[in-house]
Amino acid sequence: MGSMVIVAYRPKPGQEAELEALVREHAPCLRALGLVTERPAQAMRAKDGTIVEVFEWKDGAIEAAHNSSRVAELWERFANACDYVPLRELREAEGMFASFEPMSL
């Protein structure tokens, strides 16, 4: 059994399109490297433009990802395009039922 992850990426100014492209690339890259399960990743957008991604790591894959030069390069591109933010910073997370705009991956 894997581990479900929910991550929020707040785009840096002028990096909205780049971030969206990176989110579309992220799970397929991790899947090609055998790091995530076949469970489809999901992405959604908060009203402030933050993108929330949900995916499932395979057992032990997080450590392997940190040792992958391909993943390091991808995550460096993420760091240039966004800031990682805790879910609690999203206004949508204040309500009982958080609602986001769906994104196609």
PDB file of N, CA and C in Angstrom:
ATOM      1  N   MET A   1       0.848  -1.178   0.000  1.00  0.00           N
ATOM      2  CA  MET A   1       0.000   0.000   0.000  1.00  0.00           C
ATOM      3  C   MET A   1       0.887   1.232   0.000  1.00  0.00           C
ATOM      4  N   GLY A   2       0.527   2.198  -0.799  1.00  0.00           N
ATOM      5  CA  GLY A   2       1.307   3.414  -0.913  1.00  0.00           C
ATOM      6  C   GLY A   2       0.911   4.459   0.102  1.00  0.00           C
ATOM      7  N   SER A   3       1.284   5.686  -0.188  1.00  0.00           N
ATOM      8  CA  SER A   3       0.997   6.817   0.688  1.00  0.00           C
ATOM      9  C   SER A   3       0.417   7.942  -0.157  1.00  0.00           C
ATOM     10  N   MET A   4      -0.809   8.354   0.173  1.00  0.00           N
ATOM     11  CA  MET A   4      -1.438   9.464  -0.542  1.00  0.00           C
ATOM     12  C   MET A   4      -0.826  10.781  -0.077  1.00  0.00           C
ATOM     13  N   VAL A   5      -0.574  11.656  -1.034  1.00  0.00           N
ATOM     14  CA  VAL A   5       0.028  12.952  -0.749  1.00  0.00           C
ATOM     15  C   VAL A   5      -0.852  14.042  -1.332  1.00  0.00           C
ATOM     16  N   ILE A   6      -1.032  15.108  -0.564  1.00  0.00           N
ATOM     17  CA  ILE A   6      -1.721  16.296  -1.041  1.00  0.00           C
ATOM     18  C   ILE A   6      -0.730  17.446  -0.895  1.00  0.00           C
ATOM     19  N   VAL A   7      -0.429  18.110  -1.999  1.00  0.00           N
ATOM     20  CA  VAL A   7       0.542  19.202  -1.967  1.00  0.00           C
ATOM     21  C   VAL A   7      -0.052  20.428  -2.640  1.00  0.00           C
ATOM     22  N   ALA A   8       0.248  21.607  -2.088  1.00  0.00           N
ATOM     23  CA  ALA A   8      -0.256  22.868  -2.636  1.00  0.00           C
ATOM     24  C   ALA A   8       0.919  23.699  -3.136  1.00  0.00           C
ATOM     25  N   TYR A   9       0.805  24.127  -4.400  1.00  0.00           N
ATOM     26  CA  TYR A   9       1.841  24.932  -5.055  1.00  0.00           C
ATOM     27  C   TYR A   9       1.263  26.315  -5.358  1.00  0.00           C
ATOM     28  N   ARG A  10       1.828  27.354  -4.768  1.00  0.00           N
ATOM     29  CA  ARG A  10       1.384  28.717  -5.058  1.00  0.00           C
ATOM     30  C   ARG A  10       2.332  29.295  -6.111  1.00  0.00           C
ATOM     31  N   PRO A  11       1.811  29.647  -7.285  1.00  0.00           N
ATOM     32  CA  PRO A  11       2.699  30.127  -8.343  1.00  0.00           C
ATOM     33  C   PRO A  11       3.362  31.446  -7.986  1.00  0.00           C
ATOM     34  N   LYS A  12       4.623  31.568  -8.371  1.00  0.00           N
ATOM     35  CA  LYS A  12       5.317  32.845  -8.248  1.00  0.00           C
ATOM     36  C   LYS A  12       4.783  33.759  -9.353  1.00  0.00           C
ATOM     37  N   PRO A  13       4.876  35.074  -9.169  1.00  0.00           N
ATOM     38  CA  PRO A  13       4.345  36.003 -10.181  1.00  0.00           C
ATOM     39  C   PRO A  13       4.882  35.683 -11.580  1.00  0.00           C
ATOM     40  N   GLY A  14       3.955  35.605 -12.534  1.00  0.00           N
ATOM     41  CA  GLY A  14       4.320  35.342 -13.913  1.00  0.00           C
ATOM     42  C   GLY A  14       4.641  33.886 -14.225  1.00  0.00           C
ATOM     43  N   GLN A  15       4.506  32.996 -13.237  1.00  0.00           N
ATOM     44  CA  GLN A  15       4.867  31.588 -13.423  1.00  0.00           C
ATOM     45  C   GLN A  15       3.659  30.647 -13.468  1.00  0.00           C
ATOM     46  N   GLU A  16       2.458  31.208 -13.604  1.00  0.00           N
ATOM     47  CA  GLU A  16       1.250  30.390 -13.573  1.00  0.00           C
ATOM     48  C   GLU A  16       1.246  29.317 -14.659  1.00  0.00           C
ATOM     49  N   ALA A  17       1.554  29.689 -15.894  1.00  0.00           N
ATOM     50  CA  ALA A  17       1.542  28.722 -17.008  1.00  0.00           C
ATOM     51  C   ALA A  17       2.630  27.670 -16.825  1.00  0.00           C
ATOM     52  N   GLU A  18       3.801  28.080 -16.386  1.00  0.00           N
ATOM     53  CA  GLU A  18       4.899  27.127 -16.164  1.00  0.00           C
ATOM     54  C   GLU A  18       4.523  26.137 -15.069  1.00  0.00           C
ATOM     55  N   LEU A  19       3.921  26.630 -13.995  1.00  0.00           N
ATOM     56  CA  LEU A  19       3.516  25.741 -12.911  1.00  0.00           C
ATOM     57  C   LEU A  19       2.477  24.734 -13.393  1.00  0.00           C
ATOM     58  N   GLU A  20       1.507  25.204 -14.148  1.00  0.00           N
ATOM     59  CA  GLU A  20       0.481  24.297 -14.655  1.00  0.00           C
ATOM     60  C   GLU A  20       1.123  23.204 -15.525  1.00  0.00           C
ATOM     61  N   ALA A  21       2.082  23.570 -16.358  1.00  0.00           N
ATOM     62  CA  ALA A  21       2.777  22.590 -17.197  1.00  0.00           C
ATOM     63  C   ALA A  21       3.555  21.595 -16.334  1.00  0.00           C
ATOM     64  N   LEU A  22       4.185  22.079 -15.283  1.00  0.00           N
ATOM     65  CA  LEU A  22       4.945  21.198 -14.386  1.00  0.00           C
ATOM     66  C   LEU A  22       4.040  20.200 -13.680  1.00  0.00           C
ATOM     67  N   VAL A  23       2.883  20.656 -13.225  1.00  0.00           N
ATOM     68  CA  VAL A  23       1.946  19.750 -12.552  1.00  0.00           C
ATOM     69  C   VAL A  23       1.497  18.665 -13.521  1.00  0.00           C
ATOM     70  N   ARG A  24       1.287  19.016 -14.775  1.00  0.00           N
ATOM     71  CA  ARG A  24       0.898  18.012 -15.775  1.00  0.00           C
ATOM     72  C   ARG A  24       2.030  17.014 -16.044  1.00  0.00           C
ATOM     73  N   GLU A  25       3.257  17.444 -15.873  1.00  0.00           N
ATOM     74  CA  GLU A  25       4.432  16.592 -16.116  1.00  0.00           C
ATOM     75  C   GLU A  25       4.785  15.730 -14.900  1.00  0.00           C
ATOM     76  N   HIS A  26       4.439  16.188 -13.716  1.00  0.00           N
ATOM     77  CA  HIS A  26       4.908  15.614 -12.467  1.00  0.00           C
ATOM     78  C   HIS A  26       4.585  14.123 -12.304  1.00  0.00           C
ATOM     79  N   ALA A  27       3.305  13.773 -12.201  1.00  0.00           N
ATOM     80  CA  ALA A  27       2.939  12.374 -11.957  1.00  0.00           C
ATOM     81  C   ALA A  27       3.394  11.450 -13.086  1.00  0.00           C
ATOM     82  N   PRO A  28       3.273  11.853 -14.370  1.00  0.00           N
ATOM     83  CA  PRO A  28       3.786  10.960 -15.416  1.00  0.00           C
ATOM     84  C   PRO A  28       5.293  10.693 -15.298  1.00  0.00           C
ATOM     85  N   CYS A  29       6.046  11.703 -14.899  1.00  0.00           N
ATOM     86  CA  CYS A  29       7.484  11.513 -14.691  1.00  0.00           C
ATOM     87  C   CYS A  29       7.735  10.532 -13.556  1.00  0.00           C
ATOM     88  N   LEU A  30       7.056  10.762 -12.419  1.00  0.00           N
ATOM     89  CA  LEU A  30       7.230   9.870 -11.267  1.00  0.00           C
ATOM     90  C   LEU A  30       6.778   8.449 -11.608  1.00  0.00           C
ATOM     91  N   ARG A  31       5.709   8.337 -12.387  1.00  0.00           N
ATOM     92  CA  ARG A  31       5.206   7.015 -12.781  1.00  0.00           C
ATOM     93  C   ARG A  31       6.204   6.307 -13.687  1.00  0.00           C
ATOM     94  N   ALA A  32       6.801   7.028 -14.637  1.00  0.00           N
ATOM     95  CA  ALA A  32       7.785   6.450 -15.555  1.00  0.00           C
ATOM     96  C   ALA A  32       9.009   5.926 -14.794  1.00  0.00           C
ATOM     97  N   LEU A  33       9.290   6.551 -13.661  1.00  0.00           N
ATOM     98  CA  LEU A  33      10.420   6.118 -12.833  1.00  0.00           C
ATOM     99  C   LEU A  33      10.017   5.037 -11.830  1.00  0.00           C
ATOM    100  N   GLY A  34       8.746   4.633 -11.853  1.00  0.00           N
ATOM    101  CA  GLY A  34       8.265   3.586 -10.960  1.00  0.00           C
ATOM    102  C   GLY A  34       8.063   4.033  -9.520  1.00  0.00           C
ATOM    103  N   LEU A  35       7.817   5.326  -9.316  1.00  0.00           N
ATOM    104  CA  LEU A  35       7.736   5.879  -7.958  1.00  0.00           C
ATOM    105  C   LEU A  35       6.323   6.068  -7.439  1.00  0.00           C
ATOM    106  N   VAL A  36       5.355   6.173  -8.335  1.00  0.00           N
ATOM    107  CA  VAL A  36       3.972   6.350  -7.913  1.00  0.00           C
ATOM    108  C   VAL A  36       3.121   5.209  -8.465  1.00  0.00           C
ATOM    109  N   THR A  37       1.983   5.022  -7.827  1.00  0.00           N
ATOM    110  CA  THR A  37       1.084   3.947  -8.242  1.00  0.00           C
ATOM    111  C   THR A  37       0.342   4.345  -9.520  1.00  0.00           C
ATOM    112  N   GLU A  38      -0.435   3.424 -10.022  1.00  0.00           N
ATOM    113  CA  GLU A  38      -1.247   3.682 -11.208  1.00  0.00           C
ATOM    114  C   GLU A  38      -2.520   4.473 -10.886  1.00  0.00           C
ATOM    115  N   ARG A  39      -2.775   4.717  -9.601  1.00  0.00           N
ATOM    116  CA  ARG A  39      -3.942   5.527  -9.233  1.00  0.00           C
ATOM    117  C   ARG A  39      -3.807   6.895  -9.917  1.00  0.00           C
ATOM    118  N   PRO A  40      -4.821   7.344 -10.627  1.00  0.00           N
ATOM    119  CA  PRO A  40      -4.714   8.631 -11.331  1.00  0.00           C
ATOM    120  C   PRO A  40      -4.478   9.790 -10.368  1.00  0.00           C
ATOM    121  N   ALA A  41      -3.533  10.639 -10.725  1.00  0.00           N
ATOM    122  CA  ALA A  41      -3.303  11.864  -9.957  1.00  0.00           C
ATOM    123  C   ALA A  41      -4.457  12.826 -10.235  1.00  0.00           C
ATOM    124  N   GLN A  42      -4.681  13.725  -9.305  1.00  0.00           N
ATOM    125  CA  GLN A  42      -5.714  14.746  -9.444  1.00  0.00           C
ATOM    126  C   GLN A  42      -5.073  16.110  -9.210  1.00  0.00           C
ATOM    127  N   ALA A  43      -5.594  17.109  -9.901  1.00  0.00           N
ATOM    128  CA  ALA A  43      -5.122  18.481  -9.679  1.00  0.00           C
ATOM    129  C   ALA A  43      -6.325  19.400  -9.674  1.00  0.00           C
ATOM    130  N   MET A  44      -6.220  20.444  -8.888  1.00  0.00           N
ATOM    131  CA  MET A  44      -7.299  21.417  -8.763  1.00  0.00           C
ATOM    132  C   MET A  44      -6.703  22.770  -8.415  1.00  0.00           C
ATOM    133  N   ARG A  45      -7.495  23.816  -8.653  1.00  0.00           N
ATOM    134  CA  ARG A  45      -7.007  25.169  -8.423  1.00  0.00           C
ATOM    135  C   ARG A  45      -7.853  25.864  -7.369  1.00  0.00           C
ATOM    136  N   ALA A  46      -7.171  26.520  -6.433  1.00  0.00           N
ATOM    137  CA  ALA A  46      -7.851  27.349  -5.432  1.00  0.00           C
ATOM    138  C   ALA A  46      -8.158  28.710  -6.050  1.00  0.00           C
ATOM    139  N   LYS A  47      -9.030  29.454  -5.405  1.00  0.00           N
ATOM    140  CA  LYS A  47      -9.423  30.772  -5.922  1.00  0.00           C
ATOM    141  C   LYS A  47      -8.237  31.725  -6.034  1.00  0.00           C
ATOM    142  N   ASP A  48      -7.209  31.556  -5.185  1.00  0.00           N
ATOM    143  CA  ASP A  48      -6.045  32.444  -5.241  1.00  0.00           C
ATOM    144  C   ASP A  48      -5.009  31.996  -6.276  1.00  0.00           C
ATOM    145  N   GLY A  49      -5.322  30.942  -7.044  1.00  0.00           N
ATOM    146  CA  GLY A  49      -4.409  30.461  -8.084  1.00  0.00           C
ATOM    147  C   GLY A  49      -3.502  29.320  -7.649  1.00  0.00           C
ATOM    148  N   THR A  50      -3.509  28.994  -6.363  1.00  0.00           N
ATOM    149  CA  THR A  50      -2.711  27.875  -5.872  1.00  0.00           C
ATOM    150  C   THR A  50      -3.233  26.581  -6.494  1.00  0.00           C
ATOM    151  N   ILE A  51      -2.311  25.723  -6.918  1.00  0.00           N
ATOM    152  CA  ILE A  51      -2.684  24.437  -7.477  1.00  0.00           C
ATOM    153  C   ILE A  51      -2.451  23.363  -6.420  1.00  0.00           C
ATOM    154  N   VAL A  52      -3.452  22.518  -6.244  1.00  0.00           N
ATOM    155  CA  VAL A  52      -3.372  21.400  -5.299  1.00  0.00           C
ATOM    156  C   VAL A  52      -3.287  20.119  -6.117  1.00  0.00           C
ATOM    157  N   GLU A  53      -2.300  19.284  -5.792  1.00  0.00           N
ATOM    158  CA  GLU A  53      -2.107  18.011  -6.485  1.00  0.00           C
ATOM    159  C   GLU A  53      -2.245  16.877  -5.474  1.00  0.00           C
ATOM    160  N   VAL A  54      -2.881  15.792  -5.900  1.00  0.00           N
ATOM    161  CA  VAL A  54      -3.050  14.604  -5.063  1.00  0.00           C
ATOM    162  C   VAL A  54      -2.545  13.413  -5.864  1.00  0.00           C
ATOM    163  N   PHE A  55      -1.629  12.643  -5.265  1.00  0.00           N
ATOM    164  CA  PHE A  55      -1.126  11.446  -5.921  1.00  0.00           C
ATOM    165  C   PHE A  55      -0.681  10.443  -4.865  1.00  0.00           C
ATOM    166  N   GLU A  56      -0.361   9.221  -5.310  1.00  0.00           N
ATOM    167  CA  GLU A  56       0.002   8.152  -4.384  1.00  0.00           C
ATOM    168  C   GLU A  56       1.410   7.637  -4.664  1.00  0.00           C
ATOM    169  N   TRP A  57       2.294   7.809  -3.675  1.00  0.00           N
ATOM    170  CA  TRP A  57       3.640   7.233  -3.745  1.00  0.00           C
ATOM    171  C   TRP A  57       3.559   5.721  -3.553  1.00  0.00           C
ATOM    172  N   LYS A  58       4.438   4.985  -4.199  1.00  0.00           N
ATOM    173  CA  LYS A  58       4.614   3.567  -3.891  1.00  0.00           C
ATOM    174  C   LYS A  58       5.400   3.474  -2.592  1.00  0.00           C
ATOM    175  N   ASP A  59       5.300   2.336  -1.903  1.00  0.00           N
ATOM    176  CA  ASP A  59       6.060   2.124  -0.677  1.00  0.00           C
ATOM    177  C   ASP A  59       7.554   2.333  -0.940  1.00  0.00           C
ATOM    178  N   GLY A  60       8.194   3.130  -0.100  1.00  0.00           N
ATOM    179  CA  GLY A  60       9.631   3.362  -0.194  1.00  0.00           C
ATOM    180  C   GLY A  60      10.058   4.303  -1.307  1.00  0.00           C
ATOM    181  N   ALA A  61       9.122   4.809  -2.084  1.00  0.00           N
ATOM    182  CA  ALA A  61       9.477   5.605  -3.257  1.00  0.00           C
ATOM    183  C   ALA A  61       9.905   7.030  -2.934  1.00  0.00           C
ATOM    184  N   ILE A  62       9.457   7.561  -1.816  1.00  0.00           N
ATOM    185  CA  ILE A  62       9.828   8.942  -1.494  1.00  0.00           C
ATOM    186  C   ILE A  62      11.336   9.056  -1.358  1.00  0.00           C
ATOM    187  N   GLU A  63      11.948   8.121  -0.662  1.00  0.00           N
ATOM    188  CA  GLU A  63      13.410   8.134  -0.515  1.00  0.00           C
ATOM    189  C   GLU A  63      14.083   7.976  -1.870  1.00  0.00           C
ATOM    190  N   ALA A  64      13.572   7.074  -2.694  1.00  0.00           N
ATOM    191  CA  ALA A  64      14.138   6.867  -4.027  1.00  0.00           C
ATOM    192  C   ALA A  64      14.033   8.144  -4.859  1.00  0.00           C
ATOM    193  N   ALA A  65      12.917   8.867  -4.735  1.00  0.00           N
ATOM    194  CA  ALA A  65      12.744  10.116  -5.477  1.00  0.00           C
ATOM    195  C   ALA A  65      13.818  11.127  -5.094  1.00  0.00           C
ATOM    196  N   HIS A  66      14.144  11.180  -3.814  1.00  0.00           N
ATOM    197  CA  HIS A  66      15.165  12.125  -3.345  1.00  0.00           C
ATOM    198  C   HIS A  66      16.563  11.761  -3.826  1.00  0.00           C
ATOM    199  N   ASN A  67      16.731  10.546  -4.316  1.00  0.00           N
ATOM    200  CA  ASN A  67      18.025  10.111  -4.843  1.00  0.00           C
ATOM    201  C   ASN A  67      18.058  10.084  -6.368  1.00  0.00           C
ATOM    202  N   SER A  68      17.016  10.588  -7.012  1.00  0.00           N
ATOM    203  CA  SER A  68      16.914  10.577  -8.466  1.00  0.00           C
ATOM    204  C   SER A  68      17.299  11.935  -9.045  1.00  0.00           C
ATOM    205  N   SER A  69      18.260  11.950  -9.957  1.00  0.00           N
ATOM    206  CA  SER A  69      18.654  13.212 -10.591  1.00  0.00           C
ATOM    207  C   SER A  69      17.525  13.765 -11.450  1.00  0.00           C
ATOM    208  N   ARG A  70      16.741  12.897 -12.066  1.00  0.00           N
ATOM    209  CA  ARG A  70      15.607  13.347 -12.896  1.00  0.00           C
ATOM    210  C   ARG A  70      14.552  14.039 -12.031  1.00  0.00           C
ATOM    211  N   VAL A  71      14.250  13.465 -10.883  1.00  0.00           N
ATOM    212  CA  VAL A  71      13.273  14.083  -9.978  1.00  0.00           C
ATOM    213  C   VAL A  71      13.845  15.376  -9.402  1.00  0.00           C
ATOM    214  N   ALA A  72      15.111  15.391  -9.049  1.00  0.00           N
ATOM    215  CA  ALA A  72      15.737  16.605  -8.512  1.00  0.00           C
ATOM    216  C   ALA A  72      15.627  17.751  -9.518  1.00  0.00           C
ATOM    217  N   GLU A  73      15.847  17.457 -10.793  1.00  0.00           N
ATOM    218  CA  GLU A  73      15.750  18.484 -11.836  1.00  0.00           C
ATOM    219  C   GLU A  73      14.322  18.994 -11.943  1.00  0.00           C
ATOM    220  N   LEU A  74      13.358  18.089 -11.902  1.00  0.00           N
ATOM    221  CA  LEU A  74      11.951  18.490 -11.974  1.00  0.00           C
ATOM    222  C   LEU A  74      11.577  19.337 -10.764  1.00  0.00           C
ATOM    223  N   TRP A  75      11.965  18.901  -9.577  1.00  0.00           N
ATOM    224  CA  TRP A  75      11.630  19.647  -8.366  1.00  0.00           C
ATOM    225  C   TRP A  75      12.331  21.007  -8.328  1.00  0.00           C
ATOM    226  N   GLU A  76      13.492  21.128  -8.941  1.00  0.00           N
ATOM    227  CA  GLU A  76      14.164  22.427  -9.031  1.00  0.00           C
ATOM    228  C   GLU A  76      13.337  23.379  -9.894  1.00  0.00           C
ATOM    229  N   ARG A  77      12.773  22.857 -10.968  1.00  0.00           N
ATOM    230  CA  ARG A  77      11.897  23.668 -11.821  1.00  0.00           C
ATOM    231  C   ARG A  77      10.648  24.092 -11.048  1.00  0.00           C
ATOM    232  N   PHE A  78      10.097  23.192 -10.221  1.00  0.00           N
ATOM    233  CA  PHE A  78       8.971  23.565  -9.363  1.00  0.00           C
ATOM    234  C   PHE A  78       9.383  24.707  -8.435  1.00  0.00           C
ATOM    235  N   ALA A  79      10.540  24.604  -7.806  1.00  0.00           N
ATOM    236  CA  ALA A  79      11.000  25.631  -6.861  1.00  0.00           C
ATOM    237  C   ALA A  79      11.141  26.989  -7.535  1.00  0.00           C
ATOM    238  N   ASN A  80      11.481  27.003  -8.823  1.00  0.00           N
ATOM    239  CA  ASN A  80      11.592  28.264  -9.563  1.00  0.00           C
ATOM    240  C   ASN A  80      10.227  28.839  -9.919  1.00  0.00           C
ATOM    241  N   ALA A  81       9.213  27.981 -10.007  1.00  0.00           N
ATOM    242  CA  ALA A  81       7.890  28.412 -10.455  1.00  0.00           C
ATOM    243  C   ALA A  81       6.895  28.655  -9.332  1.00  0.00           C
ATOM    244  N   CYS A  82       7.163  28.107  -8.128  1.00  0.00           N
ATOM    245  CA  CYS A  82       6.143  28.204  -7.077  1.00  0.00           C
ATOM    246  C   CYS A  82       6.751  28.156  -5.690  1.00  0.00           C
ATOM    247  N   ASP A  83       5.897  28.431  -4.731  1.00  0.00           N
ATOM    248  CA  ASP A  83       6.206  28.202  -3.319  1.00  0.00           C
ATOM    249  C   ASP A  83       5.283  27.097  -2.850  1.00  0.00           C
ATOM    250  N   TYR A  84       5.786  26.185  -2.053  1.00  0.00           N
ATOM    251  CA  TYR A  84       4.962  25.142  -1.445  1.00  0.00           C
ATOM    252  C   TYR A  84       4.284  25.756  -0.226  1.00  0.00           C
ATOM    253  N   VAL A  85       2.985  25.554  -0.100  1.00  0.00           N
ATOM    254  CA  VAL A  85       2.258  26.149   1.022  1.00  0.00           C
ATOM    255  C   VAL A  85       1.450  25.073   1.738  1.00  0.00           C
ATOM    256  N   PRO A  86       1.297  25.202   3.059  1.00  0.00           N
ATOM    257  CA  PRO A  86       0.451  24.259   3.785  1.00  0.00           C
ATOM    258  C   PRO A  86      -1.006  24.426   3.361  1.00  0.00           C
ATOM    259  N   LEU A  87      -1.731  23.332   3.344  1.00  0.00           N
ATOM    260  CA  LEU A  87      -3.151  23.390   2.965  1.00  0.00           C
ATOM    261  C   LEU A  87      -3.930  24.369   3.829  1.00  0.00           C
ATOM    262  N   ARG A  88      -3.556  24.495   5.093  1.00  0.00           N
ATOM    263  CA  ARG A  88      -4.299  25.371   6.002  1.00  0.00           C
ATOM    264  C   ARG A  88      -4.250  26.833   5.567  1.00  0.00           C
ATOM    265  N   GLU A  89      -3.315  27.191   4.681  1.00  0.00           N
ATOM    266  CA  GLU A  89      -3.250  28.568   4.180  1.00  0.00           C
ATOM    267  C   GLU A  89      -4.268  28.849   3.085  1.00  0.00           C
ATOM    268  N   LEU A  90      -4.914  27.816   2.578  1.00  0.00           N
ATOM    269  CA  LEU A  90      -5.905  28.007   1.521  1.00  0.00           C
ATOM    270  C   LEU A  90      -7.259  28.320   2.132  1.00  0.00           C
ATOM    271  N   ARG A  91      -7.875  29.362   1.647  1.00  0.00           N
ATOM    272  CA  ARG A  91      -9.189  29.761   2.160  1.00  0.00           C
ATOM    273  C   ARG A  91     -10.187  28.604   2.058  1.00  0.00           C
ATOM    274  N   GLU A  92     -10.077  27.810   0.996  1.00  0.00           N
ATOM    275  CA  GLU A  92     -10.984  26.679   0.797  1.00  0.00           C
ATOM    276  C   GLU A  92     -10.892  25.668   1.936  1.00  0.00           C
ATOM    277  N   ALA A  93      -9.750  25.570   2.585  1.00  0.00           N
ATOM    278  CA  ALA A  93      -9.547  24.598   3.659  1.00  0.00           C
ATOM    279  C   ALA A  93     -10.231  25.015   4.960  1.00  0.00           C
ATOM    280  N   GLU A  94     -10.747  26.229   5.023  1.00  0.00           N
ATOM    281  CA  GLU A  94     -11.416  26.703   6.234  1.00  0.00           C
ATOM    282  C   GLU A  94     -12.796  26.093   6.408  1.00  0.00           C
ATOM    283  N   GLY A  95     -13.417  25.674   5.326  1.00  0.00           N
ATOM    284  CA  GLY A  95     -14.769  25.153   5.386  1.00  0.00           C
ATOM    285  C   GLY A  95     -14.802  23.657   5.638  1.00  0.00           C
ATOM    286  N   MET A  96     -15.966  23.170   5.965  1.00  0.00           N
ATOM    287  CA  MET A  96     -16.156  21.746   6.203  1.00  0.00           C
ATOM    288  C   MET A  96     -15.890  20.935   4.935  1.00  0.00           C
ATOM    289  N   PHE A  97     -16.306  21.474   3.789  1.00  0.00           N
ATOM    290  CA  PHE A  97     -16.131  20.803   2.511  1.00  0.00           C
ATOM    291  C   PHE A  97     -15.319  21.722   1.602  1.00  0.00           C
ATOM    292  N   ALA A  98     -14.029  21.459   1.477  1.00  0.00           N
ATOM    293  CA  ALA A  98     -13.173  22.290   0.639  1.00  0.00           C
ATOM    294  C   ALA A  98     -13.539  22.056  -0.827  1.00  0.00           C
ATOM    295  N   SER A  99     -13.751  23.123  -1.555  1.00  0.00           N
ATOM    296  CA  SER A  99     -14.161  23.035  -2.954  1.00  0.00           C
ATOM    297  C   SER A  99     -13.156  23.782  -3.819  1.00  0.00           C
ATOM    298  N   PHE A 100     -12.696  23.109  -4.888  1.00  0.00           N
ATOM    299  CA  PHE A 100     -11.686  23.664  -5.789  1.00  0.00           C
ATOM    300  C   PHE A 100     -12.147  23.521  -7.232  1.00  0.00           C
ATOM    301  N   GLU A 101     -11.563  24.326  -8.107  1.00  0.00           N
ATOM    302  CA  GLU A 101     -11.811  24.209  -9.548  1.00  0.00           C
ATOM    303  C   GLU A 101     -11.010  23.016 -10.077  1.00  0.00           C
ATOM    304  N   PRO A 102     -11.644  22.048 -10.721  1.00  0.00           N
ATOM    305  CA  PRO A 102     -10.893  20.907 -11.239  1.00  0.00           C
ATOM    306  C   PRO A 102      -9.993  21.313 -12.408  1.00  0.00           C
ATOM    307  N   MET A 103      -8.864  20.615 -12.533  1.00  0.00           N
ATOM    308  CA  MET A 103      -7.936  20.802 -13.643  1.00  0.00           C
ATOM    309  C   MET A 103      -7.791  19.474 -14.379  1.00  0.00           C
ATOM    310  N   SER A 104      -7.625  19.549 -15.663  1.00  0.00           N
ATOM    311  CA  SER A 104      -7.343  18.347 -16.446  1.00  0.00           C
ATOM    312  C   SER A 104      -5.842  18.085 -16.443  1.00  0.00           C
ATOM    313  N   LEU A 105      -5.485  16.831 -16.249  1.00  0.00           N
ATOM    314  CA  LEU A 105      -4.060  16.479 -16.289  1.00  0.00           C
ATOM    315  C   LEU A 105      -3.729  15.783 -17.562  1.00  0.00           C
TER     316      LEU A 105
END
